[in-house]
Protein backbone atom coordinates (compact mmCIF):
# COMPACT_ATOMS: atom_id res chain seq x y z
CA MET A 1 -27.83 12.97 9.20
CA GLU A 2 -29.13 12.96 5.76
CA ASN A 3 -27.59 16.11 5.00
CA LYS A 4 -24.21 14.78 6.20
CA ALA A 5 -24.60 11.58 4.13
CA ILE A 6 -25.20 13.74 1.02
CA ALA A 7 -22.15 15.76 1.97
CA PHE A 8 -19.94 12.76 2.38
CA THR A 9 -21.09 11.34 -1.00
CA ALA A 10 -20.42 14.70 -2.76
CA LEU A 11 -16.97 14.86 -1.07
CA ILE A 12 -16.04 11.25 -2.23
CA ALA A 13 -17.33 11.82 -5.68
CA ILE A 14 -15.75 15.15 -6.26
CA SER A 15 -12.39 13.92 -4.85
CA GLY A 16 -12.49 11.01 -7.40
CA ILE A 17 -13.08 13.49 -10.25
CA ALA A 18 -10.36 15.87 -9.05
CA SER A 19 -7.87 13.12 -8.70
CA LEU A 20 -8.62 12.11 -12.40
CA LEU A 21 -8.30 15.60 -13.69
CA LEU A 22 -5.29 16.45 -11.70
CA THR A 23 -3.48 13.39 -12.73
CA ALA A 24 -4.05 14.47 -16.38
CA PHE A 25 -2.33 17.68 -15.64
CA ILE A 26 0.57 16.20 -13.76
CA LYS A 27 0.96 13.92 -16.88
CA LYS A 28 1.40 16.93 -19.12
CA TRP A 29 3.78 18.54 -16.68
CA ALA A 30 5.90 15.51 -16.24
CA VAL A 31 6.19 15.03 -20.05
CA ARG A 32 7.16 18.85 -20.29
CA TYR A 33 9.94 18.74 -17.71
CA ASN A 34 11.11 15.19 -18.55
CA VAL A 35 10.16 13.62 -15.19
CA VAL A 36 9.91 10.18 -16.69
CA SER A 37 10.88 6.52 -16.22
CA GLU A 38 13.13 5.20 -18.93
CA PRO A 39 13.02 1.47 -19.89
CA SER A 40 15.67 -0.71 -18.32
CA ASN A 41 16.47 -4.28 -17.98
CA ARG A 42 15.47 -4.11 -14.28
CA GLY A 43 11.87 -2.99 -15.12
CA LEU A 44 8.74 -4.45 -16.80
CA HIS A 45 8.18 -1.53 -19.35
CA SER A 46 9.53 -0.92 -22.69
CA THR A 47 8.38 2.73 -23.29
CA VAL A 48 9.36 6.13 -21.72
CA THR A 49 6.47 6.93 -19.35
CA PRO A 50 5.86 9.92 -17.20
CA ARG A 51 6.04 9.40 -13.47
CA GLY A 52 4.92 11.26 -10.17
CA GLY A 53 1.30 10.88 -11.00
CA GLY A 54 0.70 9.79 -7.39
CA LEU A 55 1.07 13.49 -6.54
CA ALA A 56 -2.57 13.97 -7.74
CA PHE A 57 -4.28 11.55 -5.48
CA VAL A 58 -1.93 12.55 -2.52
CA ILE A 59 -3.05 16.30 -2.76
CA VAL A 60 -6.70 15.33 -3.15
CA TRP A 61 -6.38 12.78 -0.35
CA TYR A 62 -5.10 15.29 2.06
CA LEU A 63 -7.69 17.92 1.11
CA GLY A 64 -10.32 15.23 1.53
CA ILE A 65 -9.39 14.05 5.17
CA PHE A 66 -9.14 17.78 6.08
CA SER A 67 -12.78 18.07 4.92
CA LEU A 68 -13.79 14.84 6.76
CA HIS A 69 -12.17 16.12 9.86
CA LEU A 70 -14.12 19.45 9.62
CA LEU A 71 -17.28 17.46 9.04
CA GLY A 72 -16.61 15.43 12.12
CA ALA A 73 -16.37 12.12 10.25
CA LEU A 74 -12.65 11.41 11.09
CA ASP A 75 -11.17 10.32 14.44
CA ARG A 76 -9.01 13.28 15.70
CA ASN A 77 -5.90 10.96 16.58
CA LEU A 78 -6.26 9.29 13.09
CA PHE A 79 -6.51 12.55 11.49
CA PHE A 80 -3.25 14.06 12.79
CA ALA A 81 -1.36 10.68 12.41
CA LEU A 82 -2.33 10.79 8.61
CA VAL A 83 -1.28 14.39 8.32
CA SER A 84 2.07 13.46 9.56
CA GLY A 85 2.58 11.79 6.27
CA VAL A 86 2.60 15.30 4.37
CA ILE A 87 6.37 15.42 4.89
CA LEU A 88 6.74 11.95 3.58
CA GLY A 89 4.71 13.03 0.38
CA LEU A 90 6.94 16.05 -0.03
CA VAL A 91 10.30 14.28 0.23
CA SER A 92 9.14 11.41 -2.03
CA PHE A 93 8.02 13.89 -4.62
CA LEU A 94 11.44 15.70 -4.54
CA ASP A 95 12.96 12.19 -4.89
CA ASP A 96 10.89 11.54 -8.01
CA ILE A 97 12.64 14.58 -9.48
CA PHE A 98 16.12 14.93 -7.93
CA ALA A 99 16.86 11.47 -6.50
CA ILE A 100 17.47 12.02 -2.84
CA LYS A 101 20.12 9.97 -1.06
CA PRO A 102 18.62 6.70 0.35
CA ILE A 103 19.88 7.47 3.89
CA LEU A 104 17.94 10.65 3.88
CA ARG A 105 14.80 9.03 2.68
CA LEU A 106 15.03 6.21 5.29
CA LEU A 107 15.49 8.93 8.00
CA VAL A 108 12.39 10.75 6.85
CA HIS A 109 10.53 7.28 6.83
CA PHE A 110 11.47 6.65 10.51
CA ILE A 111 10.59 10.24 11.55
CA VAL A 112 7.14 10.04 10.01
CA ALA A 113 6.46 6.53 11.16
CA ILE A 114 7.42 7.49 14.78
CA ALA A 115 5.12 10.54 14.69
CA ALA A 116 2.16 8.79 13.35
CA PHE A 117 2.71 5.90 15.84
CA TYR A 118 2.91 8.23 18.64
CA LEU A 119 -0.28 10.21 17.53
CA LEU A 120 -2.16 6.78 17.07
CA GLY A 121 -1.40 6.13 20.85
CA GLY A 122 0.85 3.22 20.10
CA LEU A 123 -0.32 -0.23 19.39
CA ARG A 124 -2.78 -2.10 21.39
CA LYS A 125 -1.49 -5.40 22.65
CA PRO A 126 -2.02 -7.89 19.98
CA ILE A 127 -3.62 -10.86 21.59
CA SER A 128 -4.87 -13.33 19.12
CA LEU A 129 -4.69 -16.80 18.05
CA GLY A 130 -5.25 -17.77 21.62
CA ILE A 131 -1.68 -16.47 22.37
CA ASP A 132 -0.68 -13.52 24.31
CA MET A 133 1.80 -12.47 21.70
CA LEU A 134 4.22 -9.75 23.07
CA SER A 135 3.13 -7.95 26.11
CA SER A 136 5.98 -5.58 26.56
CA PRO A 137 5.67 -2.27 24.73
CA TYR A 138 9.53 -2.10 24.65
CA ILE A 139 9.37 -5.00 22.22
CA THR A 140 6.09 -4.28 20.35
CA TYR A 141 6.50 -0.51 19.71
CA PRO A 142 10.04 -0.68 18.12
CA LEU A 143 8.86 -3.71 16.05
CA ALA A 144 5.78 -1.78 14.95
CA VAL A 145 7.69 1.31 13.87
CA ILE A 146 10.16 -0.92 11.90
CA GLY A 147 7.16 -2.68 10.41
CA MET A 148 5.74 0.63 9.34
CA VAL A 149 8.96 1.76 7.72
CA TRP A 150 9.25 -1.55 5.96
CA PHE A 151 5.67 -1.38 4.61
CA ILE A 152 6.17 2.13 3.34
CA ASN A 153 9.39 0.80 1.48
CA LEU A 154 7.97 -2.54 0.28
CA TYR A 155 4.89 -0.80 -1.18
CA ASN A 156 7.22 1.26 -3.39
CA PHE A 157 9.17 -1.99 -4.25
CA MET A 158 5.86 -3.51 -5.36
CA ASP A 159 4.74 -0.59 -7.59
CA GLY A 160 6.21 -1.97 -10.78
CA ALA A 161 3.49 -3.16 -12.86
CA ASP A 162 0.62 -1.20 -14.55
CA GLY A 163 -2.35 -0.74 -12.09
CA PHE A 164 -0.86 -3.15 -9.52
CA ALA A 165 -0.23 -0.95 -6.58
CA SER A 166 -3.35 1.18 -7.11
CA LEU A 167 -5.41 -1.97 -7.34
CA GLU A 168 -4.09 -3.50 -4.12
CA ALA A 169 -4.88 -0.07 -2.26
CA ILE A 170 -8.38 -0.19 -3.43
CA ILE A 171 -9.04 -3.75 -2.67
CA VAL A 172 -7.51 -3.49 0.86
CA SER A 173 -9.61 -0.26 1.45
CA VAL A 174 -12.72 -2.05 0.25
CA VAL A 175 -12.15 -4.92 2.54
CA LEU A 176 -11.38 -2.73 5.53
CA PHE A 177 -14.57 -0.60 4.73
CA ILE A 178 -16.77 -3.74 4.97
CA PHE A 179 -15.81 -4.26 8.65
CA THR A 180 -15.35 -0.53 9.59
CA ASN A 181 -17.76 1.53 7.59
CA SER A 182 -15.21 4.37 7.66
CA TYR A 183 -15.73 7.23 5.27
CA GLU A 184 -11.83 7.70 4.96
CA LEU A 185 -11.68 4.41 3.25
CA LEU A 186 -14.23 5.42 0.43
CA LEU A 187 -12.28 8.56 0.12
CA LEU A 188 -9.08 6.61 -0.54
CA VAL A 189 -10.85 4.22 -2.95
CA SER A 190 -12.12 7.42 -4.79
CA VAL A 191 -8.91 9.21 -5.25
CA VAL A 192 -6.84 6.15 -6.15
CA LEU A 193 -9.62 5.19 -8.88
CA GLY A 194 -9.17 8.59 -10.44
CA PHE A 195 -5.48 7.86 -10.70
CA LEU A 196 -5.94 4.36 -11.84
CA TYR A 197 -7.84 5.47 -14.90
CA TRP A 198 -4.52 6.70 -16.18
CA ASN A 199 -2.43 3.78 -14.66
CA TRP A 200 -4.39 0.93 -15.89
CA PRO A 201 -2.77 -1.14 -18.52
CA LYS A 202 -1.19 0.03 -20.57
CA ALA A 203 -0.23 2.69 -18.07
CA LYS A 204 -0.02 6.37 -19.32
CA ILE A 205 1.69 7.47 -16.20
CA PHE A 206 3.39 6.01 -13.07
CA MET A 207 2.59 7.06 -9.67
CA GLY A 208 6.21 7.23 -8.50
CA ASP A 209 7.64 7.25 -5.06
CA VAL A 210 5.20 10.09 -4.09
CA GLY A 211 2.37 7.74 -4.61
CA SER A 212 3.60 4.36 -3.61
CA THR A 213 5.19 5.39 -0.36
CA GLN A 214 2.12 7.39 0.53
CA LEU A 215 -0.21 4.46 -0.08
CA GLY A 216 2.04 2.21 2.05
CA PHE A 217 2.00 4.83 4.96
CA ILE A 218 -1.79 5.41 4.77
CA LEU A 219 -2.63 1.78 4.80
CA VAL A 220 -0.35 0.85 7.66
CA VAL A 221 -1.53 3.85 9.70
CA LEU A 222 -5.23 2.68 9.16
CA GLY A 223 -4.27 -0.80 9.89
CA ILE A 224 -2.98 0.22 13.32
CA HIS A 225 -5.82 2.61 14.00
CA TYR A 226 -8.49 0.04 13.30
CA HIS A 227 -6.58 -2.56 15.43
CA ASN A 228 -6.57 -0.08 18.32
CA SER A 229 -10.23 0.78 18.00
CA LEU A 230 -11.03 -2.97 17.89
CA ASP A 231 -12.58 -2.69 14.39
CA PHE A 232 -10.24 -4.80 12.55
CA SER A 233 -7.44 -7.09 14.01
CA ILE A 234 -3.92 -6.27 12.93
CA PHE A 235 -3.76 -10.10 12.17
CA ASN A 236 -6.65 -9.62 9.75
CA TRP A 237 -4.79 -6.53 8.31
CA LEU A 238 -1.64 -8.55 7.72
CA MET A 239 -3.61 -11.13 5.87
CA ILE A 240 -5.38 -8.92 3.48
CA THR A 241 -2.03 -6.88 2.73
CA ALA A 242 0.03 -10.26 2.61
CA PRO A 243 0.20 -10.34 -1.22
CA PHE A 244 2.55 -7.29 -1.14
CA TRP A 245 4.43 -7.75 2.18
CA PHE A 246 4.78 -11.48 1.68
CA ASP A 247 6.27 -11.22 -1.81
CA ALA A 248 8.49 -8.30 -0.87
CA THR A 249 9.87 -9.91 2.44
CA LEU A 250 10.57 -13.38 0.89
CA THR A 251 12.10 -11.95 -1.99
CA LEU A 252 14.59 -9.78 0.23
CA TYR A 253 15.19 -12.90 2.30
CA ARG A 254 16.01 -14.98 -0.75
CA ARG A 255 18.38 -12.37 -2.20
CA TRP A 256 20.20 -12.05 1.04
CA ARG A 257 20.50 -15.77 1.43
CA ASN A 258 22.06 -15.80 -2.29
CA LYS A 259 24.53 -13.10 -1.07
CA GLU A 260 23.21 -10.59 -3.42
CA LYS A 261 23.85 -6.90 -2.97
CA LEU A 262 20.39 -5.71 -1.53
CA SER A 263 20.81 -2.20 -2.84
CA GLN A 264 21.04 -3.36 -6.36
CA PRO A 265 17.88 -2.94 -8.49
CA HIS A 266 16.30 -6.25 -9.60
CA ARG A 267 13.24 -7.70 -10.87
CA LYS A 268 12.94 -10.86 -8.77
CA HIS A 269 9.70 -10.18 -7.00
CA ALA A 270 7.01 -13.03 -7.85
CA TYR A 271 4.85 -10.42 -9.53
CA GLN A 272 7.79 -9.28 -11.72
CA ARG A 273 8.78 -12.83 -12.62
CA PHE A 274 5.09 -13.58 -13.38
CA VAL A 275 5.03 -10.75 -16.10
CA ARG A 276 8.67 -11.84 -17.26
CA ALA A 277 7.15 -15.35 -17.99
CA GLY A 278 5.03 -13.79 -20.59
CA TYR A 279 1.87 -12.77 -18.87
CA SER A 280 0.36 -9.29 -19.36
CA HIS A 281 0.11 -6.59 -16.65
CA LEU A 282 -3.67 -7.02 -16.95
CA THR A 283 -3.45 -10.72 -16.38
CA LEU A 284 -1.33 -9.91 -13.27
CA ASP A 285 -3.97 -7.44 -11.97
CA ILE A 286 -6.86 -10.12 -12.45
CA VAL A 287 -4.65 -12.69 -10.50
CA LEU A 288 -4.09 -10.16 -7.73
CA VAL A 289 -7.97 -9.78 -7.53
CA GLY A 290 -8.31 -13.52 -7.23
CA ILE A 291 -5.79 -13.98 -4.56
CA ASN A 292 -7.22 -11.17 -2.47
CA LEU A 293 -10.78 -12.72 -2.85
CA VAL A 294 -9.41 -16.01 -1.49
CA ILE A 295 -7.76 -14.18 1.44
CA PHE A 296 -10.96 -12.32 2.14
CA LEU A 297 -12.83 -15.59 2.34
CA LEU A 298 -10.17 -16.79 4.80
CA ILE A 299 -10.65 -13.56 6.91
CA LEU A 300 -14.22 -14.31 7.14
CA LEU A 301 -13.48 -17.80 8.57
CA TYR A 302 -10.80 -16.16 10.89
CA ARG A 303 -13.41 -13.75 12.49
CA GLU A 304 -16.19 -16.38 12.76
CA TRP A 305 -14.57 -19.31 14.70
CA ASP A 306 -11.86 -18.78 17.32
CA PHE A 307 -10.50 -22.23 16.96
CA LEU A 308 -9.74 -21.64 13.32
CA LYS A 309 -7.70 -18.47 13.80
CA LEU A 310 -4.27 -19.97 13.93
CA PRO A 311 -4.99 -22.63 10.96
CA VAL A 312 -6.48 -19.93 8.82
CA TYR A 313 -3.76 -17.50 9.42
CA ILE A 314 -1.01 -20.11 8.62
CA THR A 315 -3.23 -21.40 5.64
CA SER A 316 -2.98 -17.67 4.23
CA LEU A 317 0.66 -17.78 4.28
CA PHE A 318 1.07 -21.13 2.78
CA PHE A 319 -1.24 -20.26 -0.02
CA LEU A 320 0.95 -17.36 -1.00
CA TYR A 321 4.13 -19.48 -0.68
CA PHE A 322 2.44 -22.09 -2.91
CA LEU A 323 1.76 -19.39 -5.52
CA THR A 324 5.39 -18.12 -5.32
CA ARG A 325 6.57 -21.65 -5.96
CA LYS A 326 4.29 -21.76 -9.05
CA VAL A 327 6.03 -18.71 -10.17
CA ASP A 328 9.47 -20.27 -9.46
CA ARG A 329 8.65 -22.91 -12.18
CA LEU A 330 7.70 -20.23 -14.73
CA THR A 331 10.82 -18.01 -14.15
CA PRO A 332 13.49 -19.28 -11.77
CA PHE A 333 14.44 -16.95 -8.98
CA LYS A 334 18.28 -17.20 -9.88
CA GLU A 335 18.81 -15.66 -13.18
């Protein structure tokens, strides 16, 4: 047991260092071959910056979970569900370089989500808040797959500020680890930290679609797995990931309500408008940590007392809506 603990610790430490060094290599490669993001009035950056750095932690992540699987520290179904994301990583990396058609990207997202969902064994009936939510798999399964695809995409949408998407993945992983003690979460924290060194404000490289879509995929697969294994309710997962999905979903709805062209690039997410109001990327990251801390405390209440489940869950959403309205006063949604 002690030898295994040493092996796990070494694996996690080596993975973080490997991610750090590989990101530096990819940064030089991206500059050499002009794989960069140009400044635009739809973004939050004013300098040309290499992109595709997420490939580093994606490669190290898959090597890491393969090692955990060999060491017997990773559930077999979870391992194969996560491995199905390799094709997502490949297509997303090609998209960073060649710009693949959106319909093809979406098709791949659905194929990968369905494969992972099947390998996870579906979704355990989500009974919580004292309510039998939806008992029919004919309803819950399609909704779950659509939700997986949406989370993969929204994580990409939310990767627009220095360190923002990386930091959220680390925070979510730490919270999940507190309740599950799963080594794959420490591995994820380690490899993303290696990348975050280069992505911290002011970012020297962006993760690109290859990194953001992969983080969305990994986190949603882990959320379903822990829900199925009774370690962490899907409602708690929805709470701790809410800073991303709430902003992305509410923004999409408001743009639809305003009859805007949804395929058109924009910078109307609350986090984007916060930066546009004059706050730095670093300040945004600090605010993200604070928001997640509040939600973590609400999760503790949720798990401790059954009669508080519904009020606490609703409170978490009202908290995020309140913050969105505060941002509206700083930078109105309608430009």
